PDB file of N, CA and C in Angstrom:
ATOM      1  N   MET A   1      15.639   7.218  20.691  1.00  0.00           N
ATOM      2  CA  MET A   1      14.277   7.559  21.052  1.00  0.00           C
ATOM      3  C   MET A   1      13.299   6.519  20.484  1.00  0.00           C
ATOM      4  N   ALA A   2      13.520   6.111  19.235  1.00  0.00           N
ATOM      5  CA  ALA A   2      12.631   5.129  18.617  1.00  0.00           C
ATOM      6  C   ALA A   2      12.710   3.785  19.336  1.00  0.00           C
ATOM      7  N   LYS A   3      13.903   3.411  19.791  1.00  0.00           N
ATOM      8  CA  LYS A   3      14.056   2.159  20.532  1.00  0.00           C
ATOM      9  C   LYS A   3      13.240   2.186  21.818  1.00  0.00           C
ATOM     10  N   SER A   4      13.299   3.299  22.535  1.00  0.00           N
ATOM     11  CA  SER A   4      12.573   3.383  23.805  1.00  0.00           C
ATOM     12  C   SER A   4      11.063   3.396  23.585  1.00  0.00           C
ATOM     13  N   ILE A   5      10.597   4.040  22.526  1.00  0.00           N
ATOM     14  CA  ILE A   5       9.163   4.056  22.225  1.00  0.00           C
ATOM     15  C   ILE A   5       8.685   2.665  21.853  1.00  0.00           C
ATOM     16  N   ALA A   6       9.442   1.962  21.017  1.00  0.00           N
ATOM     17  CA  ALA A   6       9.071   0.602  20.635  1.00  0.00           C
ATOM     18  C   ALA A   6       9.041  -0.307  21.860  1.00  0.00           C
ATOM     19  N   HIS A   7      10.013  -0.151  22.755  1.00  0.00           N
ATOM     20  CA  HIS A   7      10.063  -0.975  23.966  1.00  0.00           C
ATOM     21  C   HIS A   7       8.897  -0.648  24.903  1.00  0.00           C
ATOM     22  N   THR A   8       8.529   0.632  24.998  1.00  0.00           N
ATOM     23  CA  THR A   8       7.449   1.052  25.900  1.00  0.00           C
ATOM     24  C   THR A   8       6.084   0.559  25.424  1.00  0.00           C
ATOM     25  N   PHE A   9       5.796   0.710  24.144  1.00  0.00           N
ATOM     26  CA  PHE A   9       4.466   0.381  23.640  1.00  0.00           C
ATOM     27  C   PHE A   9       4.275  -1.075  23.243  1.00  0.00           C
ATOM     28  N   ASN A  10       5.324  -1.820  23.034  1.00  0.00           N
ATOM     29  CA  ASN A  10       5.198  -3.203  22.584  1.00  0.00           C
ATOM     30  C   ASN A  10       4.448  -4.031  23.633  1.00  0.00           C
ATOM     31  N   GLY A  11       3.363  -4.664  23.208  1.00  0.00           N
ATOM     32  CA  GLY A  11       2.572  -5.519  24.095  1.00  0.00           C
ATOM     33  C   GLY A  11       1.533  -4.780  24.918  1.00  0.00           C
ATOM     34  N   SER A  12       1.388  -3.479  24.744  1.00  0.00           N
ATOM     35  CA  SER A  12       0.376  -2.731  25.499  1.00  0.00           C
ATOM     36  C   SER A  12      -0.876  -2.541  24.646  1.00  0.00           C
ATOM     37  N   ARG A  13      -1.966  -2.211  25.294  1.00  0.00           N
ATOM     38  CA  ARG A  13      -3.235  -2.010  24.591  1.00  0.00           C
ATOM     39  C   ARG A  13      -3.241  -0.668  23.869  1.00  0.00           C
ATOM     40  N   VAL A  14      -3.934  -0.619  22.735  1.00  0.00           N
ATOM     41  CA  VAL A  14      -4.051   0.619  21.980  1.00  0.00           C
ATOM     42  C   VAL A  14      -4.967   1.589  22.723  1.00  0.00           C
ATOM     43  N   ALA A  15      -6.083   1.095  23.222  1.00  0.00           N
ATOM     44  CA  ALA A  15      -7.035   1.930  23.960  1.00  0.00           C
ATOM     45  C   ALA A  15      -7.045   1.496  25.420  1.00  0.00           C
ATOM     46  N   GLN A  16      -7.239   2.441  26.315  1.00  0.00           N
ATOM     47  CA  GLN A  16      -7.206   2.134  27.741  1.00  0.00           C
ATOM     48  C   GLN A  16      -8.595   1.897  28.329  1.00  0.00           C
ATOM     49  N   ARG A  17      -9.614   2.544  27.768  1.00  0.00           N
ATOM     50  CA  ARG A  17     -10.975   2.378  28.299  1.00  0.00           C
ATOM     51  C   ARG A  17     -11.616   1.116  27.742  1.00  0.00           C
ATOM     52  N   LYS A  18     -12.313   0.378  28.585  1.00  0.00           N
ATOM     53  CA  LYS A  18     -12.893  -0.894  28.192  1.00  0.00           C
ATOM     54  C   LYS A  18     -13.992  -0.736  27.142  1.00  0.00           C
ATOM     55  N   GLY A  19     -14.702   0.370  27.108  1.00  0.00           N
ATOM     56  CA  GLY A  19     -15.777   0.581  26.148  1.00  0.00           C
ATOM     57  C   GLY A  19     -15.297   0.978  24.764  1.00  0.00           C
ATOM     58  N   ASP A  20     -14.036   1.301  24.638  1.00  0.00           N
ATOM     59  CA  ASP A  20     -13.491   1.729  23.351  1.00  0.00           C
ATOM     60  C   ASP A  20     -13.414   0.543  22.393  1.00  0.00           C
ATOM     61  N   ARG A  21     -13.670   0.783  21.108  1.00  0.00           N
ATOM     62  CA  ARG A  21     -13.681  -0.323  20.149  1.00  0.00           C
ATOM     63  C   ARG A  21     -12.285  -0.889  19.889  1.00  0.00           C
ATOM     64  N   HIS A  22     -11.235  -0.161  20.237  1.00  0.00           N
ATOM     65  CA  HIS A  22      -9.868  -0.642  20.046  1.00  0.00           C
ATOM     66  C   HIS A  22      -9.268  -1.201  21.335  1.00  0.00           C
ATOM     67  N   TYR A  23     -10.108  -1.498  22.307  1.00  0.00           N
ATOM     68  CA  TYR A  23      -9.625  -1.960  23.605  1.00  0.00           C
ATOM     69  C   TYR A  23      -8.872  -3.285  23.498  1.00  0.00           C
ATOM     70  N   ASP A  24      -9.318  -4.188  22.646  1.00  0.00           N
ATOM     71  CA  ASP A  24      -8.700  -5.508  22.540  1.00  0.00           C
ATOM     72  C   ASP A  24      -7.520  -5.544  21.568  1.00  0.00           C
ATOM     73  N   VAL A  25      -7.209  -4.425  20.949  1.00  0.00           N
ATOM     74  CA  VAL A  25      -6.090  -4.366  20.005  1.00  0.00           C
ATOM     75  C   VAL A  25      -4.808  -4.095  20.784  1.00  0.00           C
ATOM     76  N   ILE A  26      -3.758  -4.841  20.451  1.00  0.00           N
ATOM     77  CA  ILE A  26      -2.485  -4.708  21.157  1.00  0.00           C
ATOM     78  C   ILE A  26      -1.413  -4.232  20.188  1.00  0.00           C
ATOM     79  N   TRP A  27      -0.604  -3.266  20.657  1.00  0.00           N
ATOM     80  CA  TRP A  27       0.521  -2.780  19.868  1.00  0.00           C
ATOM     81  C   TRP A  27       1.560  -3.890  19.750  1.00  0.00           C
ATOM     82  N   ILE A  28       2.064  -4.109  18.554  1.00  0.00           N
ATOM     83  CA  ILE A  28       3.194  -5.005  18.349  1.00  0.00           C
ATOM     84  C   ILE A  28       4.231  -4.195  17.577  1.00  0.00           C
ATOM     85  N   MET A  29       5.257  -3.768  18.286  1.00  0.00           N
ATOM     86  CA  MET A  29       6.268  -2.907  17.682  1.00  0.00           C
ATOM     87  C   MET A  29       7.636  -3.541  17.811  1.00  0.00           C
ATOM     88  N   LYS A  30       8.443  -3.292  16.790  1.00  0.00           N
ATOM     89  CA  LYS A  30       9.818  -3.765  16.807  1.00  0.00           C
ATOM     90  C   LYS A  30      10.686  -2.681  16.197  1.00  0.00           C
ATOM     91  N   TYR A  31      11.766  -2.394  16.864  1.00  0.00           N
ATOM     92  CA  TYR A  31      12.711  -1.412  16.333  1.00  0.00           C
ATOM     93  C   TYR A  31      13.503  -2.068  15.214  1.00  0.00           C
ATOM     94  N   LEU A  32      13.526  -1.431  14.064  1.00  0.00           N
ATOM     95  CA  LEU A  32      14.253  -1.958  12.918  1.00  0.00           C
ATOM     96  C   LEU A  32      15.519  -1.133  12.725  1.00  0.00           C
ATOM     97  N   SER A  33      16.644  -1.733  13.076  1.00  0.00           N
ATOM     98  CA  SER A  33      17.892  -1.007  12.880  1.00  0.00           C
ATOM     99  C   SER A  33      18.180  -0.908  11.383  1.00  0.00           C
ATOM    100  N   LYS A  34      18.835   0.132  10.993  1.00  0.00           N
ATOM    101  CA  LYS A  34      19.205   0.406   9.601  1.00  0.00           C
ATOM    102  C   LYS A  34      17.995   0.631   8.696  1.00  0.00           C
ATOM    103  N   PHE A  35      16.818   0.863   9.270  1.00  0.00           N
ATOM    104  CA  PHE A  35      15.624   1.145   8.477  1.00  0.00           C
ATOM    105  C   PHE A  35      15.657   2.594   8.031  1.00  0.00           C
ATOM    106  N   LYS A  36      15.439   2.806   6.764  1.00  0.00           N
ATOM    107  CA  LYS A  36      15.376   4.155   6.205  1.00  0.00           C
ATOM    108  C   LYS A  36      14.028   4.330   5.517  1.00  0.00           C
ATOM    109  N   TRP A  37      13.327   5.388   5.862  1.00  0.00           N
ATOM    110  CA  TRP A  37      12.002   5.649   5.297  1.00  0.00           C
ATOM    111  C   TRP A  37      12.080   5.799   3.779  1.00  0.00           C
ATOM    112  N   SER A  38      13.154   6.376   3.298  1.00  0.00           N
ATOM    113  CA  SER A  38      13.292   6.583   1.852  1.00  0.00           C
ATOM    114  C   SER A  38      13.341   5.246   1.106  1.00  0.00           C
ATOM    115  N   ASN A  39      13.917   4.209   1.725  1.00  0.00           N
ATOM    116  CA  ASN A  39      13.941   2.889   1.092  1.00  0.00           C
ATOM    117  C   ASN A  39      12.533   2.335   0.935  1.00  0.00           C
ATOM    118  N   LEU A  40      11.699   2.543   1.938  1.00  0.00           N
ATOM    119  CA  LEU A  40      10.321   2.069   1.878  1.00  0.00           C
ATOM    120  C   LEU A  40       9.539   2.806   0.799  1.00  0.00           C
ATOM    121  N   VAL A  41       9.701   4.112   0.731  1.00  0.00           N
ATOM    122  CA  VAL A  41       9.006   4.914  -0.276  1.00  0.00           C
ATOM    123  C   VAL A  41       9.471   4.501  -1.672  1.00  0.00           C
ATOM    124  N   GLN A  42      10.766   4.265  -1.812  1.00  0.00           N
ATOM    125  CA  GLN A  42      11.317   3.849  -3.097  1.00  0.00           C
ATOM    126  C   GLN A  42      10.757   2.485  -3.513  1.00  0.00           C
ATOM    127  N   LYS A  43      10.611   1.559  -2.558  1.00  0.00           N
ATOM    128  CA  LYS A  43      10.057   0.236  -2.858  1.00  0.00           C
ATOM    129  C   LYS A  43       8.603   0.353  -3.314  1.00  0.00           C
ATOM    130  N   PHE A  44       7.813   1.187  -2.624  1.00  0.00           N
ATOM    131  CA  PHE A  44       6.418   1.375  -3.020  1.00  0.00           C
ATOM    132  C   PHE A  44       6.324   1.969  -4.421  1.00  0.00           C
ATOM    133  N   ALA A  45       7.181   2.917  -4.750  1.00  0.00           N
ATOM    134  CA  ALA A  45       7.174   3.522  -6.082  1.00  0.00           C
ATOM    135  C   ALA A  45       7.543   2.481  -7.135  1.00  0.00           C
ATOM    136  N   HIS A  46       8.518   1.650  -6.831  1.00  0.00           N
ATOM    137  CA  HIS A  46       8.929   0.598  -7.766  1.00  0.00           C
ATOM    138  C   HIS A  46       7.808  -0.413  -7.976  1.00  0.00           C
ATOM    139  N   ASP A  47       7.154  -0.834  -6.880  1.00  0.00           N
ATOM    140  CA  ASP A  47       6.044  -1.782  -6.990  1.00  0.00           C
ATOM    141  C   ASP A  47       4.888  -1.196  -7.795  1.00  0.00           C
ATOM    142  N   SER A  48       4.626   0.082  -7.590  1.00  0.00           N
ATOM    143  CA  SER A  48       3.563   0.753  -8.331  1.00  0.00           C
ATOM    144  C   SER A  48       3.884   0.799  -9.825  1.00  0.00           C
ATOM    145  N   GLN A  49       5.129   1.083 -10.145  1.00  0.00           N
ATOM    146  CA  GLN A  49       5.546   1.129 -11.548  1.00  0.00           C
ATOM    147  C   GLN A  49       5.446  -0.252 -12.194  1.00  0.00           C
ATOM    148  N   LEU A  50       5.840  -1.305 -11.470  1.00  0.00           N
ATOM    149  CA  LEU A  50       5.720  -2.658 -11.996  1.00  0.00           C
ATOM    150  C   LEU A  50       4.260  -3.027 -12.259  1.00  0.00           C
ATOM    151  N   ARG A  51       3.393  -2.649 -11.339  1.00  0.00           N
ATOM    152  CA  ARG A  51       1.962  -2.939 -11.485  1.00  0.00           C
ATOM    153  C   ARG A  51       1.401  -2.210 -12.707  1.00  0.00           C
ATOM    154  N   LYS A  52       1.788  -0.946 -12.865  1.00  0.00           N
ATOM    155  CA  LYS A  52       1.310  -0.166 -14.009  1.00  0.00           C
ATOM    156  C   LYS A  52       1.795  -0.778 -15.328  1.00  0.00           C
ATOM    157  N   THR A  53       3.043  -1.196 -15.368  1.00  0.00           N
ATOM    158  CA  THR A  53       3.593  -1.818 -16.564  1.00  0.00           C
ATOM    159  C   THR A  53       2.856  -3.106 -16.896  1.00  0.00           C
ATOM    160  N   HIS A  54       2.590  -3.893 -15.864  1.00  0.00           N
ATOM    161  CA  HIS A  54       1.870  -5.159 -16.065  1.00  0.00           C
ATOM    162  C   HIS A  54       0.455  -4.902 -16.583  1.00  0.00           C
ATOM    163  N   LEU A  55      -0.235  -3.915 -16.017  1.00  0.00           N
ATOM    164  CA  LEU A  55      -1.592  -3.601 -16.462  1.00  0.00           C
ATOM    165  C   LEU A  55      -1.599  -3.084 -17.894  1.00  0.00           C
ATOM    166  N   ASP A  56      -0.600  -2.266 -18.248  1.00  0.00           N
ATOM    167  CA  ASP A  56      -0.500  -1.778 -19.626  1.00  0.00           C
ATOM    168  C   ASP A  56      -0.288  -2.933 -20.601  1.00  0.00           C
ATOM    169  N   PHE A  57       0.571  -3.877 -20.222  1.00  0.00           N
ATOM    170  CA  PHE A  57       0.831  -5.041 -21.057  1.00  0.00           C
ATOM    171  C   PHE A  57      -0.435  -5.878 -21.235  1.00  0.00           C
ATOM    172  N   GLN A  58      -1.194  -6.072 -20.155  1.00  0.00           N
ATOM    173  CA  GLN A  58      -2.440  -6.832 -20.229  1.00  0.00           C
ATOM    174  C   GLN A  58      -3.461  -6.124 -21.109  1.00  0.00           C
ATOM    175  N   ALA A  59      -3.552  -4.803 -20.985  1.00  0.00           N
ATOM    176  CA  ALA A  59      -4.496  -4.036 -21.806  1.00  0.00           C
ATOM    177  C   ALA A  59      -4.130  -4.143 -23.284  1.00  0.00           C
ATOM    178  N   GLN A  60      -2.847  -4.092 -23.586  1.00  0.00           N
ATOM    179  CA  GLN A  60      -2.407  -4.218 -24.972  1.00  0.00           C
ATOM    180  C   GLN A  60      -2.751  -5.603 -25.516  1.00  0.00           C
ATOM    181  N   ALA A  61      -2.540  -6.646 -24.731  1.00  0.00           N
ATOM    182  CA  ALA A  61      -2.862  -8.005 -25.162  1.00  0.00           C
ATOM    183  C   ALA A  61      -4.372  -8.149 -25.388  1.00  0.00           C
ATOM    184  N   ASP A  62      -5.168  -7.543 -24.518  1.00  0.00           N
ATOM    185  CA  ASP A  62      -6.624  -7.601 -24.677  1.00  0.00           C
ATOM    186  C   ASP A  62      -7.081  -6.881 -25.943  1.00  0.00           C
ATOM    187  N   ARG A  63      -6.443  -5.738 -26.237  1.00  0.00           N
ATOM    188  CA  ARG A  63      -6.791  -5.018 -27.470  1.00  0.00           C
ATOM    189  C   ARG A  63      -6.466  -5.857 -28.695  1.00  0.00           C
ATOM    190  N   LYS A  64      -5.343  -6.570 -28.666  1.00  0.00           N
ATOM    191  CA  LYS A  64      -4.977  -7.443 -29.788  1.00  0.00           C
ATOM    192  C   LYS A  64      -5.990  -8.566 -29.954  1.00  0.00           C
ATOM    193  N   LYS A  65      -6.478  -9.120 -28.858  1.00  0.00           N
ATOM    194  CA  LYS A  65      -7.486 -10.185 -28.930  1.00  0.00           C
ATOM    195  C   LYS A  65      -8.779  -9.659 -29.539  1.00  0.00           C
ATOM    196  N   VAL A  66      -9.188  -8.470 -29.119  1.00  0.00           N
ATOM    197  CA  VAL A  66     -10.412  -7.871 -29.642  1.00  0.00           C
ATOM    198  C   VAL A  66     -10.289  -7.626 -31.137  1.00  0.00           C
ATOM    199  N   GLU A  67      -9.159  -7.098 -31.571  1.00  0.00           N
ATOM    200  CA  GLU A  67      -8.939  -6.860 -33.002  1.00  0.00           C
ATOM    201  C   GLU A  67      -8.932  -8.165 -33.775  1.00  0.00           C
ATOM    202  N   PHE A  68      -8.365  -9.213 -33.207  1.00  0.00           N
ATOM    203  CA  PHE A  68      -8.344 -10.523 -33.869  1.00  0.00           C
ATOM    204  C   PHE A  68      -9.758 -11.048 -34.059  1.00  0.00           C
ATOM    205  N   PHE A  69     -10.589 -10.942 -33.022  1.00  0.00           N
ATOM    206  CA  PHE A  69     -11.959 -11.453 -33.123  1.00  0.00           C
ATOM    207  C   PHE A  69     -12.817 -10.572 -34.026  1.00  0.00           C
ATOM    208  N   LYS A  70     -12.513  -9.290 -34.150  1.00  0.00           N
ATOM    209  CA  LYS A  70     -13.246  -8.425 -35.069  1.00  0.00           C
ATOM    210  C   LYS A  70     -13.002  -8.817 -36.508  1.00  0.00           C
ATOM    211  N   GLU A  71     -11.777  -9.253 -36.794  1.00  0.00           N
ATOM    212  CA  GLU A  71     -11.441  -9.652 -38.160  1.00  0.00           C
ATOM    213  C   GLU A  71     -12.177 -10.914 -38.493  1.00  0.00           C
TER     214      GLU A  71
END
């Protein structure tokens, strides 16, 4: 079903009426075999955790700099 939907909509306009603001936007779809939604969600969670860790590390380094300059 996903293959047929991707084939049907690929290259077609998002909006059909000329006055619509999305009239010039075109669907670009590709069926991704072996794609699992859970893998995508897992990647986003991992990226979020990496970003949080990096921000925590930067905040700790900034606190050390502030303490150094206070001394």
